[in-house]
C-alpha atoms as a PDB file:
ATOM      1  CA  MET A   1       0.157  -0.177   0.021  1.00  0.00           C
ATOM      2  CA  PRO A   2       1.203   3.473  -0.633  1.00  0.00           C
ATOM      3  CA  PRO A   3       1.844   5.789   2.305  1.00  0.00           C
ATOM      4  CA  ASN A   4      -0.505   8.311   0.679  1.00  0.00           C
ATOM      5  CA  PHE A   5      -1.586   9.604  -2.772  1.00  0.00           C
ATOM      6  CA  VAL A   6      -2.520  12.670  -4.844  1.00  0.00           C
ATOM      7  CA  SER A   7      -5.000  13.183  -7.754  1.00  0.00           C
ATOM      8  CA  SER A   8      -6.245  15.758  -9.823  1.00  0.00           C
ATOM      9  CA  VAL A   9      -9.577  16.310 -11.400  1.00  0.00           C
ATOM     10  CA  SER A  10     -11.643  19.095 -13.124  1.00  0.00           C
ATOM     11  CA  SER A  11     -14.701  20.185 -14.076  1.00  0.00           C
ATOM     12  CA  ASP A  12     -14.037  18.435 -17.512  1.00  0.00           C
ATOM     13  CA  ASN A  13     -12.993  15.228 -15.622  1.00  0.00           C
ATOM     14  CA  LEU A  14     -14.794  14.724 -12.304  1.00  0.00           C
ATOM     15  CA  VAL A  15     -13.723  11.385 -11.873  1.00  0.00           C
ATOM     16  CA  MET A  16     -10.504   9.719 -10.320  1.00  0.00           C
ATOM     17  CA  THR A  17      -9.798   6.021 -10.241  1.00  0.00           C
ATOM     18  CA  LYS A  18      -6.855   4.287  -8.800  1.00  0.00           C
ATOM     19  CA  GLN A  19      -5.865   0.753  -8.109  1.00  0.00           C
ATOM     20  CA  PHE A  20      -4.444  -0.953  -5.274  1.00  0.00           C
ATOM     21  CA  GLU A  21      -2.663  -4.149  -5.469  1.00  0.00           C
ATOM     22  CA  LEU A  22      -3.097  -5.933  -2.322  1.00  0.00           C
ATOM     23  CA  LYS A  23      -0.579  -8.430  -1.307  1.00  0.00           C
ATOM     24  CA  LEU A  24      -1.396 -11.214   1.549  1.00  0.00           C
ATOM     25  CA  ILE A  25       1.009 -13.035   3.747  1.00  0.00           C
ATOM     26  CA  ASP A  26      -1.814 -15.654   4.067  1.00  0.00           C
ATOM     27  CA  GLY A  27      -5.470 -16.111   4.019  1.00  0.00           C
ATOM     28  CA  THR A  28      -8.318 -14.362   1.436  1.00  0.00           C
ATOM     29  CA  LEU A  29      -9.484 -11.002   1.083  1.00  0.00           C
ATOM     30  CA  ASP A  30     -13.144 -12.019   1.922  1.00  0.00           C
ATOM     31  CA  ASP A  31     -13.591 -10.095   5.114  1.00  0.00           C
ATOM     32  CA  ILE A  32     -11.801  -6.777   4.080  1.00  0.00           C
ATOM     33  CA  ASP A  33     -13.499  -3.553   4.907  1.00  0.00           C
ATOM     34  CA  VAL A  34     -12.754  -0.201   3.007  1.00  0.00           C
ATOM     35  CA  LYS A  35     -14.171   3.102   4.365  1.00  0.00           C
ATOM     36  CA  PHE A  36     -13.872   6.679   3.316  1.00  0.00           C
ATOM     37  CA  GLU A  37     -13.388   9.628   5.402  1.00  0.00           C
ATOM     38  CA  GLY A  38     -13.400  12.829   3.344  1.00  0.00           C
ATOM     39  CA  PRO A  39     -15.960  15.946   1.991  1.00  0.00           C
ATOM     40  CA  ASP A  40     -19.316  14.832   1.470  1.00  0.00           C
ATOM     41  CA  PHE A  41     -19.257  16.101  -1.847  1.00  0.00           C
ATOM     42  CA  ILE A  42     -16.954  13.512  -3.032  1.00  0.00           C
ATOM     43  CA  GLN A  43     -18.822  10.345  -4.037  1.00  0.00           C
ATOM     44  CA  PHE A  44     -16.708   7.342  -3.090  1.00  0.00           C
ATOM     45  CA  SER A  45     -17.085   3.708  -4.279  1.00  0.00           C
ATOM     46  CA  HIS A  46     -14.858   0.605  -4.697  1.00  0.00           C
ATOM     47  CA  ILE A  47     -14.619  -2.796  -6.212  1.00  0.00           C
ATOM     48  CA  LEU A  48     -12.194  -5.704  -4.876  1.00  0.00           C
ATOM     49  CA  GLU A  49     -11.414  -7.986  -8.131  1.00  0.00           C
ATOM     50  CA  GLY A  50      -9.088 -10.809  -6.940  1.00  0.00           C
ATOM     51  CA  LYS A  51      -6.211  -8.777  -5.342  1.00  0.00           C
ATOM     52  CA  THR A  52      -6.911  -5.580  -6.822  1.00  0.00           C
ATOM     53  CA  LEU A  53      -8.662  -2.990  -5.081  1.00  0.00           C
ATOM     54  CA  GLN A  54      -9.888  -0.492  -7.433  1.00  0.00           C
ATOM     55  CA  VAL A  55     -11.222   2.920  -5.824  1.00  0.00           C
ATOM     56  CA  LYS A  56     -13.337   5.454  -7.770  1.00  0.00           C
ATOM     57  CA  MET A  57     -13.830   9.000  -6.347  1.00  0.00           C
ATOM     58  CA  LYS A  58     -16.339  11.467  -8.189  1.00  0.00           C
ATOM     59  CA  MET A  59     -16.718  15.313  -7.436  1.00  0.00           C
ATOM     60  CA  THR A  60     -20.590  16.164  -6.905  1.00  0.00           C
ATOM     61  CA  GLY A  61     -20.189  19.662  -6.186  1.00  0.00           C
ATOM     62  CA  GLU A  62     -18.343  22.993  -7.262  1.00  0.00           C
ATOM     63  CA  GLU A  63     -15.962  23.141  -4.304  1.00  0.00           C
ATOM     64  CA  PHE A  64     -12.799  23.919  -6.083  1.00  0.00           C
ATOM     65  CA  GLY A  65      -9.472  23.667  -4.385  1.00  0.00           C
ATOM     66  CA  ASP A  66      -7.572  21.064  -2.359  1.00  0.00           C
ATOM     67  CA  HIS A  67      -9.521  18.508  -0.246  1.00  0.00           C
ATOM     68  CA  GLU A  68      -7.949  16.028   2.076  1.00  0.00           C
ATOM     69  CA  GLY A  69      -9.311  12.737   3.112  1.00  0.00           C
ATOM     70  CA  LYS A  70      -8.413   9.165   3.863  1.00  0.00           C
ATOM     71  CA  LEU A  71      -9.063   5.586   2.964  1.00  0.00           C
ATOM     72  CA  ILE A  72      -9.388   3.075   5.787  1.00  0.00           C
ATOM     73  CA  ILE A  73      -8.666  -0.574   4.870  1.00  0.00           C
ATOM     74  CA  ASN A  74      -9.109  -3.360   7.594  1.00  0.00           C
ATOM     75  CA  HIS A  75      -8.638  -6.760   7.237  1.00  0.00           C
ATOM     76  CA  GLU A  76      -8.594  -9.120   9.743  1.00  0.00           C
ATOM     77  CA  ASP A  77      -5.800  -7.783  12.468  1.00  0.00           C
ATOM     78  CA  ALA A  78      -4.308  -5.418   9.647  1.00  0.00           C
ATOM     79  CA  HIS A  79      -5.567  -1.864   9.518  1.00  0.00           C
ATOM     80  CA  TYR A  80      -4.390   0.481   7.031  1.00  0.00           C
ATOM     81  CA  THR A  81      -4.702   4.391   6.708  1.00  0.00           C
ATOM     82  CA  ILE A  82      -4.095   5.797   3.418  1.00  0.00           C
ATOM     83  CA  PRO A  83      -4.151   9.618   3.352  1.00  0.00           C
ATOM     84  CA  PHE A  84      -5.078  11.361  -0.207  1.00  0.00           C
ATOM     85  CA  LEU A  85      -5.155  14.741  -1.331  1.00  0.00           C
ATOM     86  CA  MET A  86      -7.417  15.828  -4.420  1.00  0.00           C
ATOM     87  CA  HIS A  87      -6.813  18.877  -6.550  1.00  0.00           C
ATOM     88  CA  TYR A  88     -10.093  20.052  -8.005  1.00  0.00           C
ATOM     89  CA  THR A  89      -9.864  22.898 -10.674  1.00  0.00           C
ATOM     90  CA  PRO A  90     -12.245  24.424 -13.027  1.00  0.00           C
ATOM     91  CA  GLY A  91     -11.874  23.339 -16.694  1.00  0.00           C
END
């Protein structure tokens, strides 16, 4: 997992997608829990396909600027927090 990530979106491209390759020491990813903490105007969704976690964030308002948040991933006894910074610009 990366320690953090930065992404840019604009009024012309409102959606950001990012993929994370998950590596297990043992076990399966059946009980993985992914949560989003960030501004309400960022719509969050995720899909787990095999060992790849794909996250999608979409801007739903016109709050231009820099916005911080974090993804929280829990799996059994492992807990990961990945801070992010999203730049949202007009055009």
